[in-house]
Amino acid sequence: MPQIKVGKYLTLDDFCKCTLTYQNYADKIDPFPKNREPTIDAIKDLNQFIIDPIIDYFGLEKFKLTYGFCSSDLKSYLQKKDPITGQKNGRVAPELDQHMAHEVNIKGNYYCQRLGAASDFLIKDLATEELVQWILQAKLPFDSLYFYATDRPIHISYGPRQKRDIWAFTPQRQPTKKGIEHWVELAKQI
């Protein structure tokens, strides 16, 4: 497949092949969208409105994409257990997280009714709280933002709803707004 630019800095390959699960099973996974045009357009919008401004400010060398687009093949492998560790290859919530963008299932329904696209990334040598604070101060028009921990990637999505919803997660992986009330208030001002 020819290289397709999805933003100023990233290609579709970057977005589709960045996960550790894909890298571990690359010979078995088709990482690319099947509903190509609307999915690629959603990924381009995510880049234009969210990722490009972040890379413009922090630099491409500091940007580390850890999860971009999730194809139906990747989804299947994320749900499987690693034969060596016995642990699931990853966590996936296609009905919620927008990583499958505009992909449709065999019945022709969107995997996620909240259209748009999502990515997980971090900025090397920067506390994740500082990244979230910068996103809010820059008034980037995100849909959802998930903060997991100071040293973990954030999840951020862009879609037509642009609801500016922010969640933190407890060590037990439960969503909460406790401790991030100031971010919730800043997001309301965007």
C-alpha atoms as a PDB file:
ATOM      1  CA  MET A   1       0.000   0.000   0.000  1.00  0.00           C
ATOM      2  CA  PRO A   2       1.421   3.431  -0.875  1.00  0.00           C
ATOM      3  CA  GLN A   3       2.233   5.798   1.976  1.00  0.00           C
ATOM      4  CA  ILE A   4      -0.795   7.937   2.810  1.00  0.00           C
ATOM      5  CA  LYS A   5      -0.163  11.096   4.818  1.00  0.00           C
ATOM      6  CA  VAL A   6      -2.824  11.575   7.491  1.00  0.00           C
ATOM      7  CA  GLY A   7      -1.330  14.776   8.873  1.00  0.00           C
ATOM      8  CA  LYS A   8       1.715  16.999   8.653  1.00  0.00           C
ATOM      9  CA  TYR A   9       3.860  14.389  10.386  1.00  0.00           C
ATOM     10  CA  LEU A  10       2.234  10.959  10.432  1.00  0.00           C
ATOM     11  CA  THR A  11       1.237   8.395   7.817  1.00  0.00           C
ATOM     12  CA  LEU A  12      -1.531   5.823   7.788  1.00  0.00           C
ATOM     13  CA  ASP A  13       1.170   3.190   8.374  1.00  0.00           C
ATOM     14  CA  ASP A  14       2.225   5.013  11.556  1.00  0.00           C
ATOM     15  CA  PHE A  15      -1.369   4.983  12.740  1.00  0.00           C
ATOM     16  CA  CYS A  16      -2.096   1.371  11.849  1.00  0.00           C
ATOM     17  CA  LYS A  17       1.155  -0.346  12.841  1.00  0.00           C
ATOM     18  CA  CYS A  18       2.199   1.328  16.096  1.00  0.00           C
ATOM     19  CA  THR A  19       0.780  -1.115  18.650  1.00  0.00           C
ATOM     20  CA  LEU A  20       2.901  -3.750  20.310  1.00  0.00           C
ATOM     21  CA  THR A  21       0.203  -6.311  19.475  1.00  0.00           C
ATOM     22  CA  TYR A  22       0.474  -5.516  15.769  1.00  0.00           C
ATOM     23  CA  GLN A  23       4.262  -5.718  15.947  1.00  0.00           C
ATOM     24  CA  ASN A  24       4.051  -9.130  17.654  1.00  0.00           C
ATOM     25  CA  TYR A  25       1.589 -10.566  15.104  1.00  0.00           C
ATOM     26  CA  ALA A  26       2.318  -8.466  11.991  1.00  0.00           C
ATOM     27  CA  ASP A  27       2.273 -11.468   9.676  1.00  0.00           C
ATOM     28  CA  LYS A  28      -1.279 -12.350  10.820  1.00  0.00           C
ATOM     29  CA  ILE A  29      -2.955  -8.926  11.062  1.00  0.00           C
ATOM     30  CA  ASP A  30      -4.286  -6.671   8.331  1.00  0.00           C
ATOM     31  CA  PRO A  31      -3.924  -3.342  10.163  1.00  0.00           C
ATOM     32  CA  PHE A  32      -5.667  -1.137   7.603  1.00  0.00           C
ATOM     33  CA  PRO A  33      -9.244   0.155   7.460  1.00  0.00           C
ATOM     34  CA  LYS A  34     -11.831  -1.627   5.350  1.00  0.00           C
ATOM     35  CA  ASN A  35     -14.218   1.369   5.308  1.00  0.00           C
ATOM     36  CA  ARG A  36     -11.310   3.336   3.905  1.00  0.00           C
ATOM     37  CA  GLU A  37     -12.494   6.786   2.893  1.00  0.00           C
ATOM     38  CA  PRO A  38     -14.545   7.766   5.966  1.00  0.00           C
ATOM     39  CA  THR A  39     -12.071   6.139   8.353  1.00  0.00           C
ATOM     40  CA  ILE A  40      -9.024   7.787   6.783  1.00  0.00           C
ATOM     41  CA  ASP A  41     -10.870  11.134   6.738  1.00  0.00           C
ATOM     42  CA  ALA A  42     -11.587  10.759  10.479  1.00  0.00           C
ATOM     43  CA  ILE A  43      -7.914   9.965  11.158  1.00  0.00           C
ATOM     44  CA  LYS A  44      -6.896  13.010   9.100  1.00  0.00           C
ATOM     45  CA  ASP A  45      -9.241  15.204  11.159  1.00  0.00           C
ATOM     46  CA  LEU A  46      -7.754  13.836  14.392  1.00  0.00           C
ATOM     47  CA  ASN A  47      -4.306  14.722  13.112  1.00  0.00           C
ATOM     48  CA  GLN A  48      -5.256  18.178  11.846  1.00  0.00           C
ATOM     49  CA  PHE A  49      -7.068  19.325  14.969  1.00  0.00           C
ATOM     50  CA  ILE A  50      -5.279  17.425  17.752  1.00  0.00           C
ATOM     51  CA  ILE A  51      -2.032  15.640  16.881  1.00  0.00           C
ATOM     52  CA  ASP A  52      -0.425  18.128  14.474  1.00  0.00           C
ATOM     53  CA  PRO A  53      -0.727  21.048  16.939  1.00  0.00           C
ATOM     54  CA  ILE A  54       0.756  18.869  19.696  1.00  0.00           C
ATOM     55  CA  ILE A  55       3.702  17.820  17.514  1.00  0.00           C
ATOM     56  CA  ASP A  56       4.111  21.418  16.294  1.00  0.00           C
ATOM     57  CA  TYR A  57       4.621  22.473  19.911  1.00  0.00           C
ATOM     58  CA  PHE A  58       6.513  19.542  21.464  1.00  0.00           C
ATOM     59  CA  GLY A  59       8.364  18.204  18.401  1.00  0.00           C
ATOM     60  CA  LEU A  60       8.131  14.965  16.442  1.00  0.00           C
ATOM     61  CA  GLU A  61      11.197  13.519  18.173  1.00  0.00           C
ATOM     62  CA  LYS A  62       9.384  13.672  21.545  1.00  0.00           C
ATOM     63  CA  PHE A  63       6.043  12.339  20.276  1.00  0.00           C
ATOM     64  CA  LYS A  64       5.440   8.593  20.767  1.00  0.00           C
ATOM     65  CA  LEU A  65       2.273   7.091  19.279  1.00  0.00           C
ATOM     66  CA  THR A  66       1.365   3.901  21.154  1.00  0.00           C
ATOM     67  CA  TYR A  67      -2.102   3.157  19.740  1.00  0.00           C
ATOM     68  CA  GLY A  68      -3.778   4.588  16.683  1.00  0.00           C
ATOM     69  CA  PHE A  69      -6.268   2.851  14.419  1.00  0.00           C
ATOM     70  CA  CYS A  70      -7.700  -0.537  15.420  1.00  0.00           C
ATOM     71  CA  SER A  71      -8.648  -2.771  12.489  1.00  0.00           C
ATOM     72  CA  SER A  72     -11.037  -5.687  12.959  1.00  0.00           C
ATOM     73  CA  ASP A  73      -8.022  -8.033  12.738  1.00  0.00           C
ATOM     74  CA  LEU A  74      -6.153  -6.103  15.437  1.00  0.00           C
ATOM     75  CA  LYS A  75      -9.307  -6.098  17.591  1.00  0.00           C
ATOM     76  CA  SER A  76      -9.389  -9.907  17.422  1.00  0.00           C
ATOM     77  CA  TYR A  77      -5.755 -10.194  18.476  1.00  0.00           C
ATOM     78  CA  LEU A  78      -6.127  -7.667  21.299  1.00  0.00           C
ATOM     79  CA  GLN A  79      -8.844  -9.883  22.778  1.00  0.00           C
ATOM     80  CA  LYS A  80      -6.686 -13.039  22.589  1.00  0.00           C
ATOM     81  CA  LYS A  81      -4.245 -14.170  25.252  1.00  0.00           C
ATOM     82  CA  ASP A  82      -0.513 -14.202  24.693  1.00  0.00           C
ATOM     83  CA  PRO A  83       0.502 -17.890  24.558  1.00  0.00           C
ATOM     84  CA  ILE A  84       3.600 -17.261  26.682  1.00  0.00           C
ATOM     85  CA  THR A  85       2.294 -14.948  29.415  1.00  0.00           C
ATOM     86  CA  GLY A  86      -1.364 -16.000  29.424  1.00  0.00           C
ATOM     87  CA  GLN A  87      -2.272 -12.297  29.560  1.00  0.00           C
ATOM     88  CA  LYS A  88      -4.588 -10.599  27.096  1.00  0.00           C
ATOM     89  CA  ASN A  89      -2.667  -8.837  24.327  1.00  0.00           C
ATOM     90  CA  GLY A  90      -4.444  -5.599  25.151  1.00  0.00           C
ATOM     91  CA  ARG A  91      -7.619  -3.907  26.193  1.00  0.00           C
ATOM     92  CA  VAL A  92     -10.157  -2.845  23.647  1.00  0.00           C
ATOM     93  CA  ALA A  93     -13.561  -1.190  23.969  1.00  0.00           C
ATOM     94  CA  PRO A  94     -14.575  -0.639  20.339  1.00  0.00           C
ATOM     95  CA  GLU A  95     -18.065   0.533  21.246  1.00  0.00           C
ATOM     96  CA  LEU A  96     -16.594   3.387  23.315  1.00  0.00           C
ATOM     97  CA  ASP A  97     -13.039   4.380  22.460  1.00  0.00           C
ATOM     98  CA  GLN A  98     -13.186   5.499  18.785  1.00  0.00           C
ATOM     99  CA  HIS A  99      -9.984   3.633  17.827  1.00  0.00           C
ATOM    100  CA  MET A 100     -11.964   1.800  15.119  1.00  0.00           C
ATOM    101  CA  ALA A 101     -13.025   5.165  13.672  1.00  0.00           C
ATOM    102  CA  HIS A 102     -15.716   4.644  11.009  1.00  0.00           C
ATOM    103  CA  GLU A 103     -15.291   0.885  10.598  1.00  0.00           C
ATOM    104  CA  VAL A 104     -18.435  -1.223  10.333  1.00  0.00           C
ATOM    105  CA  ASN A 105     -19.185  -4.761  11.476  1.00  0.00           C
ATOM    106  CA  ILE A 106     -20.616  -7.565   9.335  1.00  0.00           C
ATOM    107  CA  LYS A 107     -24.134  -6.191   9.910  1.00  0.00           C
ATOM    108  CA  GLY A 108     -23.072  -2.817   8.496  1.00  0.00           C
ATOM    109  CA  ASN A 109     -23.227  -1.030  11.860  1.00  0.00           C
ATOM    110  CA  TYR A 110     -20.442   1.168  13.182  1.00  0.00           C
ATOM    111  CA  TYR A 111     -18.385  -0.520  15.889  1.00  0.00           C
ATOM    112  CA  CYS A 112     -18.543   2.789  17.755  1.00  0.00           C
ATOM    113  CA  GLN A 113     -21.593   5.012  17.377  1.00  0.00           C
ATOM    114  CA  ARG A 114     -19.469   7.969  18.487  1.00  0.00           C
ATOM    115  CA  LEU A 115     -17.867   8.635  15.140  1.00  0.00           C
ATOM    116  CA  GLY A 116     -14.408  10.121  14.883  1.00  0.00           C
ATOM    117  CA  ALA A 117     -10.961   8.673  15.555  1.00  0.00           C
ATOM    118  CA  ALA A 118      -8.703   8.192  18.567  1.00  0.00           C
ATOM    119  CA  SER A 119      -5.071   7.716  19.483  1.00  0.00           C
ATOM    120  CA  ASP A 120      -2.969   7.046  22.549  1.00  0.00           C
ATOM    121  CA  PHE A 121       0.396   8.738  22.842  1.00  0.00           C
ATOM    122  CA  LEU A 122       2.857  10.364  25.171  1.00  0.00           C
ATOM    123  CA  ILE A 123       5.453  13.077  24.992  1.00  0.00           C
ATOM    124  CA  LYS A 124       8.842  11.722  26.059  1.00  0.00           C
ATOM    125  CA  ASP A 125      10.304  13.348  29.179  1.00  0.00           C
ATOM    126  CA  LEU A 126       7.035  15.136  29.989  1.00  0.00           C
ATOM    127  CA  ALA A 127       4.623  14.245  32.781  1.00  0.00           C
ATOM    128  CA  THR A 128       1.274  13.357  31.305  1.00  0.00           C
ATOM    129  CA  GLU A 129      -0.438  15.929  33.551  1.00  0.00           C
ATOM    130  CA  GLU A 130       1.587  18.648  31.834  1.00  0.00           C
ATOM    131  CA  LEU A 131       0.486  17.367  28.422  1.00  0.00           C
ATOM    132  CA  VAL A 132      -3.183  17.411  29.478  1.00  0.00           C
ATOM    133  CA  GLN A 133      -2.779  20.923  30.885  1.00  0.00           C
ATOM    134  CA  TRP A 134      -1.223  22.098  27.601  1.00  0.00           C
ATOM    135  CA  ILE A 135      -4.057  20.532  25.549  1.00  0.00           C
ATOM    136  CA  LEU A 136      -6.617  22.354  27.682  1.00  0.00           C
ATOM    137  CA  GLN A 137      -4.774  25.684  27.568  1.00  0.00           C
ATOM    138  CA  ALA A 138      -4.368  25.350  23.787  1.00  0.00           C
ATOM    139  CA  LYS A 139      -8.142  24.747  23.596  1.00  0.00           C
ATOM    140  CA  LEU A 140      -7.804  21.745  21.311  1.00  0.00           C
ATOM    141  CA  PRO A 141     -11.291  20.571  20.266  1.00  0.00           C
ATOM    142  CA  PHE A 142     -11.137  16.983  21.547  1.00  0.00           C
ATOM    143  CA  ASP A 143     -14.076  14.662  22.025  1.00  0.00           C
ATOM    144  CA  SER A 144     -12.757  12.444  24.853  1.00  0.00           C
ATOM    145  CA  LEU A 145      -9.517  12.490  26.833  1.00  0.00           C
ATOM    146  CA  TYR A 146      -8.483   9.689  29.202  1.00  0.00           C
ATOM    147  CA  PHE A 147      -5.737  10.218  31.762  1.00  0.00           C
ATOM    148  CA  TYR A 148      -4.353   6.958  33.160  1.00  0.00           C
ATOM    149  CA  ALA A 149      -1.212   7.931  35.111  1.00  0.00           C
ATOM    150  CA  THR A 150       1.622  10.443  35.065  1.00  0.00           C
ATOM    151  CA  ASP A 151       3.957   8.118  33.151  1.00  0.00           C
ATOM    152  CA  ARG A 152       1.432   6.522  30.774  1.00  0.00           C
ATOM    153  CA  PRO A 153       0.100   7.645  27.399  1.00  0.00           C
ATOM    154  CA  ILE A 154      -3.116   9.623  27.207  1.00  0.00           C
ATOM    155  CA  HIS A 155      -6.065   8.593  25.072  1.00  0.00           C
ATOM    156  CA  ILE A 156      -7.592  11.396  23.026  1.00  0.00           C
ATOM    157  CA  SER A 157     -10.239  11.425  20.337  1.00  0.00           C
ATOM    158  CA  TYR A 158     -11.646  13.873  17.843  1.00  0.00           C
ATOM    159  CA  GLY A 159     -15.122  13.570  16.396  1.00  0.00           C
ATOM    160  CA  PRO A 160     -18.191  15.534  15.393  1.00  0.00           C
ATOM    161  CA  ARG A 161     -19.521  15.747  18.969  1.00  0.00           C
ATOM    162  CA  GLN A 162     -16.419  17.444  20.429  1.00  0.00           C
ATOM    163  CA  LYS A 163     -17.883  16.918  23.882  1.00  0.00           C
ATOM    164  CA  ARG A 164     -14.660  17.704  25.802  1.00  0.00           C
ATOM    165  CA  ASP A 165     -15.164  14.785  28.165  1.00  0.00           C
ATOM    166  CA  ILE A 166     -12.223  14.036  30.491  1.00  0.00           C
ATOM    167  CA  TRP A 167     -11.796  10.939  32.618  1.00  0.00           C
ATOM    168  CA  ALA A 168      -9.084   9.696  34.947  1.00  0.00           C
ATOM    169  CA  PHE A 169      -8.807   6.040  35.895  1.00  0.00           C
ATOM    170  CA  THR A 170      -8.218   4.398  39.263  1.00  0.00           C
ATOM    171  CA  PRO A 171      -5.565   1.687  39.679  1.00  0.00           C
ATOM    172  CA  GLN A 172      -8.489  -0.766  39.352  1.00  0.00           C
ATOM    173  CA  ARG A 173      -9.217   0.771  35.908  1.00  0.00           C
ATOM    174  CA  GLN A 174     -12.462   2.418  36.985  1.00  0.00           C
ATOM    175  CA  PRO A 175     -13.288   5.786  35.369  1.00  0.00           C
ATOM    176  CA  THR A 176     -13.500   8.763  37.717  1.00  0.00           C
ATOM    177  CA  LYS A 177     -13.493  12.539  37.672  1.00  0.00           C
ATOM    178  CA  LYS A 178     -12.126  12.656  41.223  1.00  0.00           C
ATOM    179  CA  GLY A 179      -8.917  14.657  41.378  1.00  0.00           C
ATOM    180  CA  ILE A 180      -9.320  16.182  37.908  1.00  0.00           C
ATOM    181  CA  GLU A 181     -12.119  18.647  38.622  1.00  0.00           C
ATOM    182  CA  HIS A 182      -9.904  21.546  37.532  1.00  0.00           C
ATOM    183  CA  TRP A 183      -9.422  19.909  34.111  1.00  0.00           C
ATOM    184  CA  VAL A 184     -13.154  19.298  33.773  1.00  0.00           C
ATOM    185  CA  GLU A 185     -13.772  23.012  34.420  1.00  0.00           C
ATOM    186  CA  LEU A 186     -11.088  24.064  31.914  1.00  0.00           C
ATOM    187  CA  ALA A 187     -12.592  21.752  29.295  1.00  0.00           C
ATOM    188  CA  LYS A 188     -15.981  23.436  29.708  1.00  0.00           C
ATOM    189  CA  GLN A 189     -14.368  26.731  28.661  1.00  0.00           C
ATOM    190  CA  ILE A 190     -13.209  25.403  25.288  1.00  0.00           C
END
